[in-house]
């Protein structure tokens, strides 16, 4: 077996995101890339962009926002422990996530289950607060 063939592994961005378990399916990863929610080294990317070790990938989703550095490449989806070895989260991303968790930044629009629909006045307040 040729040793160089292992070093020349090519990996598409959408496959890498799926293999690293950021998205449940490749089509969801592709949709996120095409809508501009994934940036590689600060630039928008296409699903077929080749991922290289050391690149910084910024992923913004409805549930989370994370910035990671690619540590390994894989075209195959494996278990969560193996997927975690494909990347390391940047220190800036860790502190940003911890600050958001401490301040409750992502919980401003959450409502208790069973409270019912917001009134017209509450909807105006929600829209004013969120800028929508």
N, C-alpha and C. Protein backbone atom coordinates (compact mmCIF):
# COMPACT_ATOMS: atom_id res chain seq x y z
N UNK A 1 0.84 -1.18 0.00
CA UNK A 1 0.00 0.00 0.00
C UNK A 1 0.89 1.25 0.00
N UNK A 2 0.53 2.20 -0.81
CA UNK A 2 1.31 3.43 -0.94
C UNK A 2 0.98 4.38 0.20
N UNK A 3 1.98 4.84 0.92
CA UNK A 3 1.78 5.74 2.06
C UNK A 3 1.29 7.10 1.61
N UNK A 4 1.73 7.57 0.45
CA UNK A 4 1.33 8.88 -0.04
C UNK A 4 -0.16 8.94 -0.37
N UNK A 5 -0.78 7.83 -0.70
CA UNK A 5 -2.20 7.85 -1.03
C UNK A 5 -3.05 8.25 0.18
N UNK A 6 -2.60 7.95 1.41
CA UNK A 6 -3.34 8.35 2.60
C UNK A 6 -3.25 9.85 2.83
N UNK A 7 -2.12 10.46 2.44
CA UNK A 7 -1.93 11.89 2.65
C UNK A 7 -2.69 12.72 1.63
N UNK A 8 -3.04 12.12 0.51
CA UNK A 8 -3.69 12.85 -0.57
C UNK A 8 -5.21 12.67 -0.55
N UNK A 9 -5.79 12.43 0.61
CA UNK A 9 -7.23 12.26 0.71
C UNK A 9 -7.90 13.59 0.40
N UNK A 10 -8.83 13.54 -0.53
CA UNK A 10 -9.59 14.74 -0.87
C UNK A 10 -10.96 14.62 -0.24
N UNK A 11 -11.46 15.74 0.24
CA UNK A 11 -12.74 15.71 0.93
C UNK A 11 -13.53 16.96 0.59
N UNK A 12 -14.74 16.77 0.12
CA UNK A 12 -15.64 17.88 -0.17
C UNK A 12 -16.14 18.49 1.14
N UNK A 13 -16.45 19.77 1.13
CA UNK A 13 -16.92 20.47 2.33
C UNK A 13 -18.22 19.88 2.85
N UNK A 14 -19.17 19.61 1.96
CA UNK A 14 -20.45 19.07 2.42
C UNK A 14 -20.30 17.69 3.03
N UNK A 15 -19.42 16.86 2.46
CA UNK A 15 -19.18 15.53 3.03
C UNK A 15 -18.48 15.62 4.38
N UNK A 16 -17.54 16.57 4.49
CA UNK A 16 -16.81 16.72 5.76
C UNK A 16 -17.75 17.19 6.87
N UNK A 17 -18.62 18.15 6.58
CA UNK A 17 -19.57 18.63 7.58
C UNK A 17 -20.52 17.51 8.02
N UNK A 18 -20.90 16.68 7.08
CA UNK A 18 -21.78 15.54 7.39
C UNK A 18 -21.02 14.50 8.20
N UNK A 19 -19.78 14.21 7.81
CA UNK A 19 -18.97 13.21 8.52
C UNK A 19 -18.61 13.68 9.92
N UNK A 20 -18.44 15.00 10.11
CA UNK A 20 -18.12 15.56 11.42
C UNK A 20 -19.38 15.74 12.28
N UNK A 21 -20.52 15.36 11.75
CA UNK A 21 -21.80 15.35 12.46
C UNK A 21 -22.32 16.73 12.84
N UNK A 22 -22.04 17.73 12.00
CA UNK A 22 -22.64 19.04 12.21
C UNK A 22 -24.04 19.07 11.61
N UNK A 23 -24.29 18.21 10.61
CA UNK A 23 -25.60 18.11 9.97
C UNK A 23 -25.99 16.65 9.85
N UNK A 24 -27.29 16.36 9.92
CA UNK A 24 -27.76 14.98 9.88
C UNK A 24 -27.63 14.36 8.50
N UNK A 25 -27.80 15.17 7.46
CA UNK A 25 -27.70 14.65 6.10
C UNK A 25 -26.79 15.54 5.27
N UNK A 26 -26.30 14.98 4.17
CA UNK A 26 -25.47 15.76 3.27
C UNK A 26 -26.26 16.85 2.59
N UNK A 27 -27.54 16.59 2.33
CA UNK A 27 -28.36 17.60 1.68
C UNK A 27 -28.58 18.81 2.60
N UNK A 28 -28.69 18.58 3.91
CA UNK A 28 -28.80 19.70 4.84
C UNK A 28 -27.50 20.49 4.89
N UNK A 29 -26.38 19.79 4.83
CA UNK A 29 -25.08 20.46 4.80
C UNK A 29 -24.93 21.29 3.53
N UNK A 30 -25.34 20.74 2.40
CA UNK A 30 -25.27 21.45 1.13
C UNK A 30 -26.15 22.69 1.15
N UNK A 31 -27.36 22.55 1.69
CA UNK A 31 -28.28 23.69 1.77
C UNK A 31 -27.70 24.79 2.66
N UNK A 32 -27.07 24.43 3.76
CA UNK A 32 -26.48 25.43 4.66
C UNK A 32 -25.32 26.15 3.96
N UNK A 33 -24.53 25.42 3.20
CA UNK A 33 -23.40 26.03 2.49
C UNK A 33 -23.92 26.99 1.43
N UNK A 34 -24.92 26.57 0.68
CA UNK A 34 -25.45 27.39 -0.41
C UNK A 34 -26.15 28.65 0.09
N UNK A 35 -26.71 28.61 1.30
CA UNK A 35 -27.39 29.78 1.85
C UNK A 35 -26.45 30.69 2.63
N UNK A 36 -25.16 30.38 2.63
CA UNK A 36 -24.19 31.28 3.24
C UNK A 36 -23.99 31.10 4.73
N UNK A 37 -24.41 29.98 5.28
CA UNK A 37 -24.27 29.74 6.71
C UNK A 37 -22.94 29.07 7.07
N UNK A 38 -22.15 28.73 6.06
CA UNK A 38 -20.85 28.12 6.28
C UNK A 38 -19.79 28.94 5.54
N UNK A 39 -18.76 29.33 6.28
CA UNK A 39 -17.66 30.10 5.69
C UNK A 39 -16.35 29.36 5.96
N UNK A 40 -15.48 29.32 4.96
CA UNK A 40 -14.18 28.68 5.10
C UNK A 40 -13.12 29.78 5.01
N UNK A 41 -12.33 29.92 6.06
CA UNK A 41 -11.31 30.97 6.15
C UNK A 41 -11.89 32.35 5.88
N UNK A 42 -13.11 32.60 6.35
CA UNK A 42 -13.73 33.91 6.23
C UNK A 42 -14.48 34.16 4.94
N UNK A 43 -14.43 33.24 3.99
CA UNK A 43 -15.09 33.42 2.70
C UNK A 43 -16.22 32.41 2.53
N UNK A 44 -17.26 32.82 1.77
CA UNK A 44 -18.32 31.87 1.44
C UNK A 44 -17.74 30.77 0.59
N UNK A 45 -18.32 29.60 0.70
CA UNK A 45 -17.79 28.45 -0.03
C UNK A 45 -18.91 27.75 -0.79
N UNK A 46 -18.50 26.84 -1.67
CA UNK A 46 -19.44 26.00 -2.40
C UNK A 46 -19.36 24.60 -1.81
N UNK A 47 -20.40 23.79 -1.98
CA UNK A 47 -20.40 22.44 -1.40
C UNK A 47 -19.23 21.57 -1.85
N UNK A 48 -18.73 21.77 -3.06
CA UNK A 48 -17.66 20.93 -3.58
C UNK A 48 -16.27 21.45 -3.21
N UNK A 49 -16.19 22.51 -2.43
CA UNK A 49 -14.87 23.05 -2.04
C UNK A 49 -14.10 21.98 -1.29
N UNK A 50 -12.82 21.89 -1.61
CA UNK A 50 -11.97 20.89 -0.98
C UNK A 50 -11.52 21.40 0.39
N UNK A 51 -11.74 20.61 1.41
CA UNK A 51 -11.33 20.96 2.77
C UNK A 51 -9.88 20.51 2.96
N UNK A 52 -9.10 21.37 3.59
CA UNK A 52 -7.71 21.04 3.89
C UNK A 52 -7.50 21.12 5.40
N UNK A 53 -6.57 20.37 5.89
CA UNK A 53 -6.28 20.37 7.33
C UNK A 53 -5.75 21.75 7.72
N UNK A 54 -6.28 22.27 8.80
CA UNK A 54 -5.86 23.58 9.30
C UNK A 54 -6.78 24.71 8.91
N UNK A 55 -7.70 24.48 7.98
CA UNK A 55 -8.63 25.54 7.59
C UNK A 55 -9.61 25.82 8.71
N UNK A 56 -9.99 27.09 8.84
CA UNK A 56 -10.97 27.50 9.85
C UNK A 56 -12.34 27.55 9.18
N UNK A 57 -13.29 26.82 9.75
CA UNK A 57 -14.63 26.72 9.19
C UNK A 57 -15.62 27.29 10.20
N UNK A 58 -16.39 28.29 9.77
CA UNK A 58 -17.39 28.93 10.63
C UNK A 58 -18.77 28.42 10.22
N UNK A 59 -19.49 27.82 11.16
CA UNK A 59 -20.79 27.21 10.88
C UNK A 59 -21.84 27.91 11.73
N UNK A 60 -22.87 28.44 11.06
CA UNK A 60 -23.96 29.11 11.77
C UNK A 60 -25.23 28.35 11.44
N UNK A 61 -25.92 27.93 12.48
CA UNK A 61 -27.13 27.15 12.32
C UNK A 61 -28.20 27.75 13.21
N UNK A 62 -29.42 27.27 13.11
CA UNK A 62 -30.49 27.76 13.96
C UNK A 62 -30.20 27.47 15.42
N UNK A 63 -29.57 26.34 15.69
CA UNK A 63 -29.33 25.91 17.07
C UNK A 63 -27.99 26.35 17.63
N UNK A 64 -27.01 26.59 16.78
CA UNK A 64 -25.67 26.89 17.28
C UNK A 64 -24.88 27.72 16.28
N UNK A 65 -23.81 28.33 16.79
CA UNK A 65 -22.84 29.03 15.96
C UNK A 65 -21.47 28.63 16.48
N UNK A 66 -20.65 28.07 15.61
CA UNK A 66 -19.38 27.49 16.05
C UNK A 66 -18.31 27.75 14.99
N UNK A 67 -17.08 27.89 15.45
CA UNK A 67 -15.94 28.06 14.56
C UNK A 67 -14.94 26.96 14.90
N UNK A 68 -14.59 26.16 13.90
CA UNK A 68 -13.71 25.01 14.13
C UNK A 68 -12.54 25.04 13.17
N UNK A 69 -11.50 24.33 13.55
CA UNK A 69 -10.33 24.14 12.70
C UNK A 69 -10.29 22.67 12.30
N UNK A 70 -10.18 22.40 11.01
CA UNK A 70 -10.15 21.02 10.52
C UNK A 70 -8.84 20.35 10.93
N UNK A 71 -8.93 19.22 11.61
CA UNK A 71 -7.75 18.50 12.07
C UNK A 71 -7.50 17.22 11.26
N UNK A 72 -8.57 16.68 10.68
CA UNK A 72 -8.47 15.46 9.88
C UNK A 72 -9.57 15.49 8.83
N UNK A 73 -9.43 14.64 7.82
CA UNK A 73 -10.41 14.58 6.74
C UNK A 73 -11.07 13.21 6.73
N UNK A 74 -12.36 13.21 6.40
CA UNK A 74 -13.08 11.95 6.29
C UNK A 74 -14.27 12.12 5.37
N UNK A 75 -14.48 11.15 4.50
CA UNK A 75 -15.65 11.12 3.63
C UNK A 75 -16.69 10.15 4.16
N UNK A 76 -16.39 9.51 5.28
CA UNK A 76 -17.27 8.49 5.85
C UNK A 76 -17.79 8.96 7.20
N UNK A 77 -19.08 8.81 7.40
CA UNK A 77 -19.69 9.20 8.67
C UNK A 77 -19.52 8.06 9.66
N UNK A 78 -18.90 8.36 10.80
CA UNK A 78 -18.67 7.35 11.83
C UNK A 78 -19.34 7.82 13.12
N UNK A 79 -19.04 7.16 14.20
CA UNK A 79 -19.62 7.51 15.49
C UNK A 79 -19.15 8.86 15.99
N UNK A 80 -19.85 9.39 16.99
CA UNK A 80 -19.54 10.71 17.52
C UNK A 80 -18.11 10.83 18.06
N UNK A 81 -17.57 9.84 18.76
CA UNK A 81 -16.19 9.98 19.24
C UNK A 81 -15.17 10.12 18.10
N UNK A 82 -15.37 9.38 17.00
CA UNK A 82 -14.48 9.48 15.86
C UNK A 82 -14.69 10.80 15.12
N UNK A 83 -15.95 11.27 15.06
CA UNK A 83 -16.25 12.53 14.38
C UNK A 83 -15.64 13.71 15.12
N UNK A 84 -15.57 13.64 16.43
CA UNK A 84 -14.99 14.73 17.22
C UNK A 84 -13.50 14.89 16.97
N UNK A 85 -12.86 13.86 16.45
CA UNK A 85 -11.43 13.93 16.15
C UNK A 85 -11.14 14.68 14.85
N UNK A 86 -12.18 14.95 14.05
CA UNK A 86 -12.00 15.63 12.78
C UNK A 86 -11.76 17.12 12.93
N UNK A 87 -12.10 17.70 14.09
CA UNK A 87 -12.00 19.15 14.26
C UNK A 87 -11.70 19.51 15.70
N UNK A 88 -11.23 20.74 15.90
CA UNK A 88 -11.11 21.33 17.23
C UNK A 88 -11.75 22.70 17.18
N UNK A 89 -12.49 23.02 18.21
CA UNK A 89 -13.17 24.32 18.28
C UNK A 89 -12.16 25.39 18.66
N UNK A 90 -12.24 26.55 18.00
CA UNK A 90 -11.31 27.63 18.30
C UNK A 90 -11.63 28.23 19.66
N UNK A 91 -10.63 28.83 20.28
CA UNK A 91 -10.80 29.42 21.62
C UNK A 91 -11.81 30.56 21.59
N UNK A 92 -11.81 31.36 20.53
CA UNK A 92 -12.76 32.47 20.41
C UNK A 92 -14.19 31.95 20.37
N UNK A 93 -14.40 30.85 19.68
CA UNK A 93 -15.73 30.25 19.58
C UNK A 93 -16.19 29.71 20.94
N UNK A 94 -15.27 29.12 21.69
CA UNK A 94 -15.61 28.58 23.00
C UNK A 94 -16.04 29.70 23.94
N UNK A 95 -15.27 30.79 23.98
CA UNK A 95 -15.63 31.90 24.87
C UNK A 95 -16.93 32.56 24.45
N UNK A 96 -17.16 32.70 23.15
CA UNK A 96 -18.40 33.30 22.66
C UNK A 96 -19.60 32.44 23.05
N UNK A 97 -19.47 31.13 22.92
CA UNK A 97 -20.56 30.22 23.27
C UNK A 97 -20.84 30.25 24.77
N UNK A 98 -19.76 30.30 25.58
CA UNK A 98 -19.95 30.35 27.04
C UNK A 98 -20.60 31.66 27.47
N UNK A 99 -20.21 32.78 26.84
CA UNK A 99 -20.83 34.07 27.16
C UNK A 99 -22.31 34.08 26.80
N UNK A 100 -22.65 33.50 25.64
CA UNK A 100 -24.04 33.44 25.22
C UNK A 100 -24.85 32.57 26.17
N UNK A 101 -24.24 31.50 26.65
CA UNK A 101 -24.91 30.61 27.59
C UNK A 101 -25.15 31.30 28.93
N UNK A 102 -24.14 32.06 29.39
CA UNK A 102 -24.24 32.74 30.68
C UNK A 102 -25.27 33.87 30.65
N UNK A 103 -25.34 34.58 29.55
CA UNK A 103 -26.27 35.72 29.45
C UNK A 103 -27.65 35.30 28.99
N UNK A 104 -27.80 34.06 28.53
CA UNK A 104 -29.11 33.60 28.03
C UNK A 104 -29.46 34.27 26.72
N UNK A 105 -28.46 34.58 25.93
CA UNK A 105 -28.64 35.31 24.68
C UNK A 105 -29.61 34.62 23.71
N UNK A 106 -29.56 33.31 23.63
CA UNK A 106 -30.40 32.60 22.68
C UNK A 106 -31.79 32.27 23.19
N UNK A 107 -32.11 32.67 24.39
CA UNK A 107 -33.39 32.30 24.99
C UNK A 107 -34.40 33.43 25.05
N UNK A 108 -34.17 34.53 24.35
CA UNK A 108 -35.05 35.68 24.46
C UNK A 108 -36.44 35.43 23.92
N UNK A 109 -36.60 34.54 22.96
CA UNK A 109 -37.91 34.33 22.35
C UNK A 109 -38.57 33.02 22.80
N UNK A 110 -38.00 32.34 23.79
CA UNK A 110 -38.58 31.08 24.25
C UNK A 110 -39.79 31.34 25.12
N UNK A 111 -40.78 30.51 24.96
CA UNK A 111 -42.00 30.61 25.76
C UNK A 111 -42.22 29.27 26.45
N UNK A 112 -42.84 29.32 27.62
CA UNK A 112 -43.16 28.09 28.33
C UNK A 112 -44.19 27.30 27.55
N UNK A 113 -44.07 25.99 27.60
CA UNK A 113 -44.99 25.13 26.88
C UNK A 113 -46.38 25.23 27.52
N UNK A 114 -47.39 25.36 26.66
CA UNK A 114 -48.77 25.40 27.14
C UNK A 114 -49.26 26.79 27.49
N UNK A 115 -48.43 27.79 27.34
CA UNK A 115 -48.84 29.15 27.68
C UNK A 115 -49.83 29.67 26.64
N UNK A 116 -49.74 29.15 25.43
CA UNK A 116 -50.64 29.60 24.38
C UNK A 116 -49.95 30.57 23.46
N UNK A 117 -50.71 31.04 22.50
CA UNK A 117 -50.15 31.98 21.54
C UNK A 117 -49.98 33.35 22.18
N UNK A 118 -48.98 34.10 21.73
CA UNK A 118 -48.82 35.44 22.27
C UNK A 118 -49.95 36.36 21.81
N UNK A 119 -50.29 37.31 22.65
CA UNK A 119 -51.32 38.27 22.28
C UNK A 119 -50.76 39.23 21.23
N UNK A 120 -51.62 40.06 20.69
CA UNK A 120 -51.18 41.02 19.68
C UNK A 120 -50.13 41.97 20.25
N UNK A 121 -50.33 42.41 21.47
CA UNK A 121 -49.38 43.31 22.12
C UNK A 121 -48.04 42.59 22.34
N UNK A 122 -48.09 41.33 22.80
CA UNK A 122 -46.86 40.57 23.02
C UNK A 122 -46.12 40.36 21.70
N UNK A 123 -46.84 40.11 20.60
CA UNK A 123 -46.21 39.93 19.30
C UNK A 123 -45.50 41.22 18.86
N UNK A 124 -46.14 42.37 19.09
CA UNK A 124 -45.50 43.64 18.76
C UNK A 124 -44.22 43.82 19.56
N UNK A 125 -44.27 43.48 20.85
CA UNK A 125 -43.08 43.59 21.70
C UNK A 125 -41.98 42.64 21.24
N UNK A 126 -42.35 41.42 20.87
CA UNK A 126 -41.38 40.43 20.39
C UNK A 126 -40.73 40.93 19.11
N UNK A 127 -41.54 41.44 18.17
CA UNK A 127 -41.00 41.94 16.89
C UNK A 127 -40.11 43.15 17.12
N UNK A 128 -40.51 44.03 18.03
CA UNK A 128 -39.70 45.21 18.33
C UNK A 128 -38.37 44.80 18.92
N UNK A 129 -38.39 43.79 19.80
CA UNK A 129 -37.19 43.35 20.47
C UNK A 129 -36.23 42.62 19.53
N UNK A 130 -36.78 41.76 18.67
CA UNK A 130 -35.94 40.96 17.77
C UNK A 130 -35.60 41.69 16.47
N UNK A 131 -36.26 42.81 16.22
CA UNK A 131 -35.97 43.56 14.99
C UNK A 131 -36.65 42.97 13.77
N UNK A 132 -37.66 42.14 13.95
CA UNK A 132 -38.32 41.48 12.83
C UNK A 132 -39.52 42.15 12.32
